[in-house]
């Protein structure tokens, strides 16, 4: 596929959701007013996100898979010449999988919302669809832009729609959760902006490709250290890294189902992507100095998240299933950060693989928890496994089977997507980059291994409490997986199996690009 066609595809992927968001807010055509305006606007959301997914697949098909380290589909035009800021877009083996994942999850969320409209607050779905599309555009732009200032703007662009999705369509405690989300992320972003400006001013350019090519040669060690710390704090809040994670459980618990899916499956990836795209190649000396501390926080986060989940899973602990899955993300993203902190191709490839796997598996889990909450009216574990008993295997066997599948995928069962990223992150810790303390990283690897055991423990407890048990005679049957749910969840199940059985498809894209980012080059 020609370079011009790829340019057009990438630009359209970023712009089409914004155009769709504006169109969603316009009055419905007269021919639709006699029917269902709500269904019309939700159908519009499915159409636009489906078009973006089709464009993403076309971009992936036209991508030169023989040279994934090369930046492709590039557009580079002036925007604010006085400040040296350019509209620079491009995609390589690191960003392409994240673009496709974002387009896929947003389409599935739109499809799910079409079958189960957002009725929590009885509000007009026009705003809901528009916010989803703005969120998609900002996330896609974050993975496509190659200018530090544009990256920051795209990074911030997603905050407002996610705030309103939680505050307006969320459940109990939605306002407090939305405020915590916006305050934490904005404060982290302010610190990150200072680091980005420091890099751009001292490096003489905001172009991420040029800075990566220089590999920090124009930045002193002190400048790199300060910049890596400032940028890393902002990215760590979004990732989220322990102990900067405390906004996440409240946001997930209060968010509507689609909000939780997009938050876990897409927004968290923006933070870890920034570590790989900016900190590792642009400030390599700063990254090397801070890597052991990042690895230590990641290892503690893995164990901490798993222990909290195990506590929530216990009977009588007043655990909420959505909150438990949210804390599991703290642990899983800890593996991503640990892989990055090894500064090795093995570890960073594992981190990128774990990123995609987490998006697929945790996205599926939040869909499933949302469906369970719709049927039972609660996601409280004690209520789900109380006197009446959830007994999903007996009452809704397909739903119970999918929850069990999501649980075993999340705990890292070999043959499924969750296994490879975590294994490669620990392999990277076994032999970290030169200059890093191997005994320290072996300790981090051991803590990560403990985290995998704890993950298996709490996930199996959840399956036992929610899916198993005696079905009382007077307990009515539940609606099993509905058609729209089947359509929204099947791709996630299929890709989880495919990535587990054929990891080379993803690693073949990321490895050459990672090798180049770690050694510098364009």
Protein backbone atom coordinates (compact mmCIF):
# COMPACT_ATOMS: atom_id res chain seq x y z
CA UNK A 1 0.00 0.00 0.00
CA UNK A 2 1.35 3.44 -0.96
CA UNK A 3 2.65 5.91 1.58
CA UNK A 4 -0.02 8.45 0.65
CA UNK A 5 -2.83 5.99 1.27
CA UNK A 6 -1.35 5.08 4.66
CA UNK A 7 -1.07 8.78 5.52
CA UNK A 8 -4.72 9.31 4.71
CA UNK A 9 -5.77 6.25 6.70
CA UNK A 10 -3.88 7.34 9.83
CA UNK A 11 -5.16 10.92 9.63
CA UNK A 12 -8.72 9.65 9.13
CA UNK A 13 -8.43 7.31 12.12
CA UNK A 14 -7.71 10.29 14.37
CA UNK A 15 -10.15 12.77 12.81
CA UNK A 16 -13.24 10.65 12.00
CA UNK A 17 -14.26 10.15 15.67
CA UNK A 18 -14.20 13.93 16.23
CA UNK A 19 -16.39 14.52 13.19
CA UNK A 20 -18.69 11.77 14.40
CA UNK A 21 -18.89 13.38 17.85
CA UNK A 22 -20.05 16.67 16.33
CA UNK A 23 -22.58 14.86 14.14
CA UNK A 24 -23.94 12.97 17.17
CA UNK A 25 -24.91 16.27 18.82
CA UNK A 26 -26.81 17.55 15.79
CA UNK A 27 -30.62 17.21 15.63
CA UNK A 28 -31.82 13.92 14.18
CA UNK A 29 -32.99 14.06 10.55
CA UNK A 30 -36.77 14.43 10.25
CA UNK A 31 -37.11 10.91 8.86
CA UNK A 32 -35.78 9.46 12.12
CA UNK A 33 -37.82 11.51 14.55
CA UNK A 34 -40.89 9.36 14.10
CA UNK A 35 -38.89 6.31 15.09
CA UNK A 36 -36.49 6.07 18.01
CA UNK A 37 -34.04 9.00 18.25
CA UNK A 38 -32.20 7.15 21.03
CA UNK A 39 -31.58 4.11 18.86
CA UNK A 40 -30.63 6.37 15.94
CA UNK A 41 -27.84 8.12 17.85
CA UNK A 42 -26.59 4.85 19.35
CA UNK A 43 -26.57 3.36 15.85
CA UNK A 44 -24.56 6.39 14.77
CA UNK A 45 -21.98 5.55 17.45
CA UNK A 46 -21.74 1.97 16.18
CA UNK A 47 -21.35 3.19 12.59
CA UNK A 48 -18.60 5.71 13.35
CA UNK A 49 -16.59 3.42 15.62
CA UNK A 50 -17.05 0.60 13.12
CA UNK A 51 -15.66 2.84 10.38
CA UNK A 52 -12.66 3.72 12.55
CA UNK A 53 -12.06 0.03 13.25
CA UNK A 54 -12.23 -0.73 9.52
CA UNK A 55 -9.71 2.05 8.83
CA UNK A 56 -7.43 0.67 11.56
CA UNK A 57 -7.58 -2.82 10.10
CA UNK A 58 -6.83 -1.40 6.65
CA UNK A 59 -3.84 0.48 8.11
CA UNK A 60 -2.61 -2.71 9.77
CA UNK A 61 -3.03 -4.63 6.52
CA UNK A 62 -1.12 -1.99 4.54
CA UNK A 63 1.61 -1.65 7.16
CA UNK A 64 5.03 -2.88 6.01
CA UNK A 65 5.39 -5.82 8.37
CA UNK A 66 8.87 -6.48 7.03
CA UNK A 67 10.13 -3.23 8.57
CA UNK A 68 8.08 -2.63 11.74
CA UNK A 69 10.85 -0.52 13.29
CA UNK A 70 10.45 2.12 10.60
CA UNK A 71 7.98 4.92 11.25
CA UNK A 72 5.28 4.59 8.59
CA UNK A 73 2.24 6.57 7.39
CA UNK A 74 4.05 9.72 8.49
CA UNK A 75 2.64 13.21 8.13
CA UNK A 76 4.81 16.16 9.16
CA UNK A 77 3.50 19.68 8.60
CA UNK A 78 4.05 22.95 10.43
CA UNK A 79 1.48 24.07 13.01
CA UNK A 80 3.01 26.72 15.32
CA UNK A 81 6.36 27.64 13.71
CA UNK A 82 7.26 30.18 16.40
CA UNK A 83 7.33 27.39 19.00
CA UNK A 84 8.62 24.68 16.70
CA UNK A 85 5.44 22.61 17.14
CA UNK A 86 4.44 20.45 14.18
CA UNK A 87 1.58 18.14 13.34
CA UNK A 88 3.66 15.00 13.13
CA UNK A 89 1.89 11.66 12.88
CA UNK A 90 3.26 8.17 12.34
CA UNK A 91 2.95 4.55 13.37
CA UNK A 92 5.41 1.72 13.99
CA UNK A 93 5.39 -1.72 15.55
CA UNK A 94 4.97 -0.28 19.06
CA UNK A 95 1.96 1.94 18.37
CA UNK A 96 0.10 -0.07 15.70
CA UNK A 97 -1.24 -2.78 18.06
CA UNK A 98 -2.44 -0.10 20.50
CA UNK A 99 -4.24 1.77 17.71
CA UNK A 100 -6.08 -1.37 16.64
CA UNK A 101 -6.87 -2.32 20.25
CA UNK A 102 -8.34 1.14 20.90
CA UNK A 103 -10.47 1.04 17.77
CA UNK A 104 -11.68 -2.49 18.59
CA UNK A 105 -12.62 -1.84 22.22
CA UNK A 106 -14.40 1.42 21.39
CA UNK A 107 -16.43 -0.30 18.67
CA UNK A 108 -17.35 -3.14 21.03
CA UNK A 109 -18.40 -0.60 23.67
CA UNK A 110 -20.60 1.19 21.13
CA UNK A 111 -22.10 -2.13 20.07
CA UNK A 112 -22.77 -3.10 23.69
CA UNK A 113 -24.36 0.29 24.39
CA UNK A 114 -26.64 -0.14 21.38
CA UNK A 115 -28.00 -3.33 22.89
CA UNK A 116 -27.96 -1.99 26.47
CA UNK A 117 -28.47 1.80 26.26
CA UNK A 118 -27.08 3.96 29.08
CA UNK A 119 -30.11 4.58 31.27
CA UNK A 120 -28.47 5.11 34.64
CA UNK A 121 -29.40 8.78 34.83
CA UNK A 122 -32.11 8.86 32.19
CA UNK A 123 -30.05 11.31 30.11
CA UNK A 124 -29.92 12.01 26.40
CA UNK A 125 -27.66 9.43 24.69
CA UNK A 126 -26.37 12.09 22.28
CA UNK A 127 -23.92 13.36 24.88
CA UNK A 128 -22.94 9.80 25.79
CA UNK A 129 -22.09 8.88 22.19
CA UNK A 130 -20.27 12.17 21.60
CA UNK A 131 -18.13 11.68 24.71
CA UNK A 132 -17.21 8.12 23.69
CA UNK A 133 -16.10 9.38 20.27
CA UNK A 134 -14.06 12.28 21.68
CA UNK A 135 -12.43 9.83 24.08
CA UNK A 136 -11.58 7.53 21.17
CA UNK A 137 -10.09 10.36 19.13
CA UNK A 138 -7.88 11.53 21.99
CA UNK A 139 -6.63 8.05 22.72
CA UNK A 140 -5.88 7.27 19.09
CA UNK A 141 -4.07 10.59 18.75
CA UNK A 142 -1.92 9.77 21.79
CA UNK A 143 -0.64 6.66 20.02
CA UNK A 144 -0.22 8.37 16.63
CA UNK A 145 1.38 11.76 17.33
CA UNK A 146 5.15 12.21 17.28
CA UNK A 147 5.41 15.69 18.80
CA UNK A 148 5.77 16.13 22.57
CA UNK A 149 3.30 19.03 22.78
CA UNK A 150 0.72 17.20 20.65
CA UNK A 151 1.21 14.13 22.81
CA UNK A 152 0.44 16.18 25.90
CA UNK A 153 -2.67 17.72 24.31
CA UNK A 154 -3.96 14.31 23.21
CA UNK A 155 -3.08 12.87 26.62
CA UNK A 156 -5.22 15.55 28.27
CA UNK A 157 -8.01 15.37 25.72
CA UNK A 158 -9.35 12.12 27.18
CA UNK A 159 -9.77 13.48 30.71
CA UNK A 160 -12.90 15.55 30.14
CA UNK A 161 -15.00 12.86 28.40
CA UNK A 162 -14.00 10.23 30.98
CA UNK A 163 -14.88 12.64 33.80
CA UNK A 164 -18.39 13.16 32.44
CA UNK A 165 -18.89 9.47 31.67
CA UNK A 166 -18.23 8.67 35.31
CA UNK A 167 -19.94 11.70 36.86
CA UNK A 168 -23.09 11.58 34.73
CA UNK A 169 -23.65 7.91 33.94
CA UNK A 170 -21.87 6.28 36.87
CA UNK A 171 -23.30 4.54 39.91
CA UNK A 172 -23.05 5.26 43.62
CA UNK A 173 -20.22 7.60 44.55
CA UNK A 174 -19.83 8.74 40.95
CA UNK A 175 -19.19 12.43 41.69
CA UNK A 176 -16.44 11.75 44.23
CA UNK A 177 -14.85 9.16 41.93
CA UNK A 178 -14.95 11.53 38.96
CA UNK A 179 -13.34 14.34 40.94
CA UNK A 180 -10.59 12.08 42.24
CA UNK A 181 -9.91 10.88 38.71
CA UNK A 182 -9.65 14.38 37.27
CA UNK A 183 -7.60 15.81 40.14
CA UNK A 184 -5.05 13.01 40.23
CA UNK A 185 -4.54 12.93 36.49
CA UNK A 186 -4.44 16.71 36.04
CA UNK A 187 -1.89 17.15 38.82
CA UNK A 188 0.23 14.38 37.31
CA UNK A 189 -0.10 15.94 33.88
CA UNK A 190 1.11 19.34 35.11
CA UNK A 191 4.32 17.72 36.36
CA UNK A 192 4.63 15.78 33.10
CA UNK A 193 4.23 18.97 31.04
CA UNK A 194 7.19 20.54 32.85
CA UNK A 195 9.32 17.53 31.96
CA UNK A 196 8.21 17.59 28.31
CA UNK A 197 8.98 21.29 28.03
CA UNK A 198 12.39 20.75 29.62
CA UNK A 199 13.21 18.06 27.04
CA UNK A 200 11.94 20.14 24.13
CA UNK A 201 13.79 23.31 25.16
CA UNK A 202 17.08 21.66 26.05
CA UNK A 203 16.92 19.25 23.12
CA UNK A 204 16.11 21.98 20.63
CA UNK A 205 13.02 20.23 19.26
CA UNK A 206 9.72 18.71 20.33
CA UNK A 207 9.93 16.06 17.62
CA UNK A 208 9.88 12.64 19.29
CA UNK A 209 11.60 10.88 16.38
CA UNK A 210 14.47 13.38 16.28
CA UNK A 211 14.88 13.23 20.06
CA UNK A 212 14.89 9.43 19.98
CA UNK A 213 17.49 9.50 17.21
CA UNK A 214 19.72 11.75 19.33
CA UNK A 215 19.22 9.26 22.18
CA UNK A 216 19.74 11.97 24.79
CA UNK A 217 23.07 13.18 23.39
CA UNK A 218 21.98 16.85 23.62
CA UNK A 219 20.71 16.49 27.19
CA UNK A 220 22.97 16.47 30.23
CA UNK A 221 22.63 13.69 32.78
CA UNK A 222 20.94 16.04 35.25
CA UNK A 223 18.49 17.26 32.61
CA UNK A 224 17.65 13.68 31.64
CA UNK A 225 17.16 12.67 35.26
CA UNK A 226 14.87 15.60 36.10
CA UNK A 227 12.91 15.21 32.85
CA UNK A 228 12.53 11.44 33.25
CA UNK A 229 11.32 11.89 36.84
CA UNK A 230 8.80 14.62 35.92
CA UNK A 231 7.46 12.84 32.84
CA UNK A 232 7.46 9.51 34.67
CA UNK A 233 5.32 10.84 37.53
CA UNK A 234 2.63 12.00 35.10
CA UNK A 235 2.71 8.73 33.19
CA UNK A 236 2.75 6.66 36.39
CA UNK A 237 -0.47 8.28 37.60
CA UNK A 238 -2.22 7.25 34.39
CA UNK A 239 -0.65 3.77 34.30
CA UNK A 240 -1.38 3.57 37.33
CA UNK A 241 1.65 2.71 39.45
CA UNK A 242 1.50 1.99 43.17
CA UNK A 243 1.22 4.21 45.25
CA UNK A 244 -0.30 6.67 42.72
CA UNK A 245 -3.17 4.31 41.97
CA UNK A 246 -5.78 5.25 44.56
CA UNK A 247 -8.03 7.08 42.07
CA UNK A 248 -8.50 3.91 39.99
CA UNK A 249 -10.67 1.63 42.18
CA UNK A 250 -13.23 4.38 42.86
CA UNK A 251 -13.37 5.36 39.20
CA UNK A 252 -13.90 1.76 38.07
CA UNK A 253 -16.48 1.00 40.74
CA UNK A 254 -18.56 4.07 39.91
CA UNK A 255 -18.12 4.08 36.12
CA UNK A 256 -20.69 2.62 33.73
CA UNK A 257 -19.72 -0.63 32.05
CA UNK A 258 -18.39 0.99 28.87
CA UNK A 259 -16.47 3.54 30.94
CA UNK A 260 -14.76 0.78 32.91
CA UNK A 261 -13.88 -1.14 29.74
CA UNK A 262 -12.33 1.91 28.07
CA UNK A 263 -10.57 3.04 31.23
CA UNK A 264 -8.92 -0.34 31.80
CA UNK A 265 -8.50 -1.41 28.20
CA UNK A 266 -7.31 1.85 26.66
CA UNK A 267 -6.59 4.79 28.97
CA UNK A 268 -4.17 2.95 31.25
CA UNK A 269 -2.11 2.01 28.19
CA UNK A 270 -1.39 5.67 27.46
CA UNK A 271 0.81 5.88 30.55
CA UNK A 272 2.90 2.79 29.86
CA UNK A 273 3.16 3.70 26.16
CA UNK A 274 4.68 7.05 27.16
CA UNK A 275 7.41 5.26 29.11
CA UNK A 276 8.39 3.25 26.03
CA UNK A 277 7.96 5.99 23.43
CA UNK A 278 9.44 8.95 25.33
CA UNK A 279 11.41 8.11 28.47
CA UNK A 280 13.44 5.09 27.27
CA UNK A 281 14.77 6.54 23.98
CA UNK A 282 14.77 10.28 24.77
CA UNK A 283 16.22 10.22 28.31
CA UNK A 284 18.18 6.93 28.44
CA UNK A 285 20.53 8.03 31.24
CA UNK A 286 17.64 9.23 33.38
CA UNK A 287 15.73 6.02 32.67
CA UNK A 288 18.75 3.94 33.71
CA UNK A 289 19.08 5.83 37.00
CA UNK A 290 15.38 5.59 37.85
CA UNK A 291 14.81 2.04 36.56
CA UNK A 292 15.50 0.22 39.88
CA UNK A 293 13.04 2.47 41.72
CA UNK A 294 10.40 1.96 39.02
CA UNK A 295 10.95 -1.80 39.24
CA UNK A 296 10.64 -1.73 43.05
CA UNK A 297 7.36 0.21 42.91
CA UNK A 298 6.10 -2.16 40.20
CA UNK A 299 6.95 -5.27 42.23
CA UNK A 300 5.28 -3.87 45.35
CA UNK A 301 2.25 -2.95 43.24
CA UNK A 302 1.98 -6.50 41.92
CA UNK A 303 1.89 -7.99 45.42
CA UNK A 304 -0.21 -5.18 46.89
CA UNK A 305 -2.87 -5.39 44.17
CA UNK A 306 -3.06 -9.16 44.51
CA UNK A 307 -3.35 -9.07 48.31
CA UNK A 308 -6.13 -6.47 48.17
CA UNK A 309 -7.98 -8.59 45.60
CA UNK A 310 -7.59 -11.66 47.78
CA UNK A 311 -8.97 -9.72 50.73
CA UNK A 312 -11.94 -8.48 48.69
CA UNK A 313 -12.63 -11.99 47.41
CA UNK A 314 -12.98 -13.44 50.92
CA UNK A 315 -16.45 -14.13 52.25
CA UNK A 316 -17.69 -11.38 54.54
CA UNK A 317 -15.15 -8.84 53.26
CA UNK A 318 -17.82 -6.62 51.64
CA UNK A 319 -15.97 -6.88 48.38
CA UNK A 320 -17.32 -5.42 45.15
CA UNK A 321 -16.53 -7.43 42.03
CA UNK A 322 -15.86 -4.30 39.95
CA UNK A 323 -13.53 -3.00 42.63
CA UNK A 324 -11.71 -6.32 42.72
CA UNK A 325 -11.12 -6.27 38.96
CA UNK A 326 -9.91 -2.66 39.29
CA UNK A 327 -7.33 -3.63 41.91
CA UNK A 328 -6.28 -6.54 39.71
CA UNK A 329 -5.33 -3.92 37.10
CA UNK A 330 -2.87 -2.41 39.58
CA UNK A 331 -1.15 -5.78 39.77
CA UNK A 332 -1.25 -6.50 36.05
CA UNK A 333 0.04 -3.07 35.11
CA UNK A 334 2.81 -3.67 37.65
CA UNK A 335 4.09 -6.41 35.33
CA UNK A 336 4.08 -3.92 32.45
CA UNK A 337 6.10 -1.40 34.46
CA UNK A 338 8.47 -4.11 35.69
CA UNK A 339 9.16 -5.20 32.11
CA UNK A 340 9.88 -1.60 31.10
CA UNK A 341 12.16 -1.12 34.11
CA UNK A 342 14.43 -3.99 33.03
CA UNK A 343 15.55 -1.82 30.07
CA UNK A 344 15.98 -5.01 28.02
CA UNK A 345 14.28 -5.96 24.74
CA UNK A 346 12.84 -9.05 26.44
CA UNK A 347 11.30 -7.07 29.28
CA UNK A 348 9.98 -4.22 27.14
CA UNK A 349 8.49 -6.64 24.61
CA UNK A 350 6.84 -8.43 27.51
CA UNK A 351 5.48 -5.11 28.76
CA UNK A 352 3.95 -4.28 25.38
CA UNK A 353 2.49 -7.77 25.08
CA UNK A 354 1.06 -7.54 28.60
CA UNK A 355 -0.45 -4.17 27.65
CA UNK A 356 -2.46 -5.72 24.83
CA UNK A 357 -3.35 -8.82 26.85
CA UNK A 358 -4.60 -6.70 29.75
CA UNK A 359 -6.76 -4.66 27.39
CA UNK A 360 -8.39 -7.78 25.95
CA UNK A 361 -8.84 -9.73 29.19
CA UNK A 362 -9.76 -6.96 31.60
CA UNK A 363 -12.03 -5.40 28.99
CA UNK A 364 -13.86 -8.73 28.79
CA UNK A 365 -14.03 -9.02 32.59
CA UNK A 366 -15.58 -5.57 32.98
CA UNK A 367 -18.13 -6.40 30.28
CA UNK A 368 -19.00 -9.58 32.19
CA UNK A 369 -19.23 -7.85 35.57
CA UNK A 370 -21.49 -5.22 34.00
CA UNK A 371 -23.76 -7.96 32.66
CA UNK A 372 -23.88 -9.66 36.06
CA UNK A 373 -24.75 -6.37 37.73
CA UNK A 374 -27.54 -5.78 35.21
CA UNK A 375 -29.04 -9.17 36.02
CA UNK A 376 -28.61 -9.16 39.81
CA UNK A 377 -28.82 -5.43 40.44
CA UNK A 378 -25.52 -5.57 42.35
CA UNK A 379 -21.86 -6.48 41.96
CA UNK A 380 -21.33 -7.06 45.69
CA UNK A 381 -19.68 -10.44 46.15
CA UNK A 382 -21.52 -11.26 49.37
CA UNK A 383 -24.84 -10.56 47.69
CA UNK A 384 -23.87 -12.57 44.63
CA UNK A 385 -22.88 -15.58 46.73
CA UNK A 386 -25.48 -15.12 49.47
CA UNK A 387 -28.40 -17.26 50.46
CA UNK A 388 -29.91 -17.41 46.98
CA UNK A 389 -26.51 -18.07 45.46
CA UNK A 390 -25.28 -16.78 42.16
CA UNK A 391 -24.60 -20.28 40.80
CA UNK A 392 -24.05 -18.90 37.33
CA UNK A 393 -23.16 -22.35 35.99
CA UNK A 394 -26.70 -23.46 36.80
CA UNK A 395 -28.60 -20.24 36.11
CA UNK A 396 -26.72 -18.78 33.13
CA UNK A 397 -24.10 -21.36 32.08
CA UNK A 398 -22.67 -19.43 29.12
CA UNK A 399 -22.21 -16.30 31.22
CA UNK A 400 -20.62 -18.38 33.99
CA UNK A 401 -18.33 -20.09 31.51
CA UNK A 402 -17.19 -16.76 30.08
CA UNK A 403 -16.47 -15.41 33.57
CA UNK A 404 -14.39 -18.50 34.33
CA UNK A 405 -12.55 -18.07 31.02
CA UNK A 406 -11.79 -14.44 31.82
CA UNK A 407 -10.57 -15.42 35.28
CA UNK A 408 -8.15 -18.10 34.08
CA UNK A 409 -6.92 -15.80 31.32
CA UNK A 410 -6.29 -13.07 33.89
CA UNK A 411 -4.31 -15.38 36.15
CA UNK A 412 -1.92 -16.11 33.27
CA UNK A 413 -2.86 -19.62 32.16
CA UNK A 414 -0.39 -20.85 29.50
CA UNK A 415 -1.99 -20.83 26.07
CA UNK A 416 -3.86 -17.59 26.70
CA UNK A 417 -2.74 -14.01 26.17
CA UNK A 418 -2.09 -13.20 29.83
CA UNK A 419 0.75 -15.70 30.10
CA UNK A 420 3.34 -14.32 27.67
CA UNK A 421 3.63 -10.73 28.84
CA UNK A 422 4.06 -11.63 32.49
CA UNK A 423 6.54 -14.41 31.70
CA UNK A 424 8.67 -12.14 29.48
CA UNK A 425 8.62 -9.37 32.10
CA UNK A 426 10.00 -11.83 34.67
CA UNK A 427 12.54 -13.16 32.17
CA UNK A 428 13.72 -9.59 31.66
CA UNK A 429 14.09 -9.22 35.43
CA UNK A 430 16.16 -12.39 35.55
CA UNK A 431 18.84 -10.70 33.45
CA UNK A 432 18.32 -6.90 33.45
CA UNK A 433 20.30 -4.38 31.40
CA UNK A 434 23.96 -3.80 32.10
CA UNK A 435 24.58 -1.59 35.10
CA UNK A 436 21.42 -2.63 36.94
CA UNK A 437 21.69 -4.68 40.12
CA UNK A 438 20.88 -8.28 39.25
CA UNK A 439 20.25 -9.36 42.89
CA UNK A 440 17.72 -6.55 43.25
CA UNK A 441 15.94 -7.55 40.06
CA UNK A 442 15.94 -11.20 41.09
CA UNK A 443 14.12 -10.06 44.22
CA UNK A 444 11.62 -8.16 42.09
CA UNK A 445 11.18 -11.25 39.94
CA UNK A 446 10.46 -13.34 43.03
CA UNK A 447 7.85 -10.82 44.20
CA UNK A 448 6.27 -10.87 40.75
CA UNK A 449 6.15 -14.67 40.90
CA UNK A 450 4.41 -14.44 44.27
CA UNK A 451 1.94 -12.06 42.65
CA UNK A 452 1.05 -14.65 40.01
CA UNK A 453 0.27 -17.20 42.74
CA UNK A 454 -1.90 -14.70 44.61
CA UNK A 455 -3.68 -13.80 41.37
CA UNK A 456 -4.55 -17.44 40.80
CA UNK A 457 -5.85 -17.66 44.37
CA UNK A 458 -8.23 -14.70 44.25
CA UNK A 459 -9.48 -15.41 40.73
CA UNK A 460 -10.34 -19.00 41.64
CA UNK A 461 -12.11 -17.78 44.78
CA UNK A 462 -14.19 -15.41 42.65
CA UNK A 463 -15.13 -18.22 40.26
CA UNK A 464 -16.09 -20.48 43.15
CA UNK A 465 -18.23 -17.84 44.85
CA UNK A 466 -19.98 -16.45 41.78
CA UNK A 467 -20.23 -19.38 39.41
CA UNK A 468 -20.56 -22.42 41.67
CA UNK A 469 -22.97 -23.38 44.39
CA UNK A 470 -26.37 -24.92 44.78
CA UNK A 471 -29.21 -23.31 42.88
CA UNK A 472 -32.20 -22.87 45.15
CA UNK A 473 -35.48 -24.28 43.84
CA UNK A 474 -37.29 -20.95 44.07
CA UNK A 475 -34.49 -19.04 42.35
CA UNK A 476 -35.58 -18.08 38.82
CA UNK A 477 -33.33 -18.62 35.85
CA UNK A 478 -31.31 -15.69 34.56
CA UNK A 479 -31.10 -14.46 31.02
CA UNK A 480 -27.98 -16.03 29.55
CA UNK A 481 -25.68 -14.31 27.06
CA UNK A 482 -27.78 -12.12 24.78
CA UNK A 483 -27.11 -11.61 21.07
CA UNK A 484 -25.53 -8.17 21.40
CA UNK A 485 -23.39 -9.39 24.31
CA UNK A 486 -22.23 -12.36 22.25
CA UNK A 487 -21.28 -10.01 19.41
CA UNK A 488 -19.37 -7.67 21.76
CA UNK A 489 -17.51 -10.35 23.70
CA UNK A 490 -16.63 -12.96 21.09
CA UNK A 491 -13.79 -10.93 19.49
CA UNK A 492 -12.14 -10.49 22.89
CA UNK A 493 -12.32 -14.21 23.63
CA UNK A 494 -11.01 -15.13 20.18
CA UNK A 495 -8.10 -12.66 20.33
CA UNK A 496 -7.18 -13.78 23.86
CA UNK A 497 -6.83 -17.34 22.58
CA UNK A 498 -5.09 -16.28 19.36
CA UNK A 499 -2.52 -14.12 21.16
CA UNK A 500 -1.87 -16.96 23.61
CA UNK A 501 -1.33 -19.56 20.89
CA UNK A 502 0.45 -17.32 18.39
CA UNK A 503 2.45 -14.72 20.35
CA UNK A 504 4.87 -14.26 17.44
CA UNK A 505 2.21 -12.27 15.58
CA UNK A 506 2.50 -9.46 18.13
CA UNK A 507 6.13 -9.92 19.17
CA UNK A 508 7.21 -9.86 15.53
CA UNK A 509 5.80 -6.33 15.32
CA UNK A 510 7.12 -4.97 18.59
CA UNK A 511 10.59 -6.52 18.83
CA UNK A 512 12.36 -4.69 15.96
CA UNK A 513 10.83 -1.37 17.06
CA UNK A 514 11.83 -1.98 20.69
CA UNK A 515 15.38 -2.91 19.69
CA UNK A 516 15.66 0.37 17.79
CA UNK A 517 14.12 2.51 20.55
CA UNK A 518 16.53 1.11 23.13
CA UNK A 519 19.61 1.81 21.04
CA UNK A 520 18.36 5.04 19.41
CA UNK A 521 17.60 5.62 15.77
CA UNK A 522 14.79 6.74 13.53
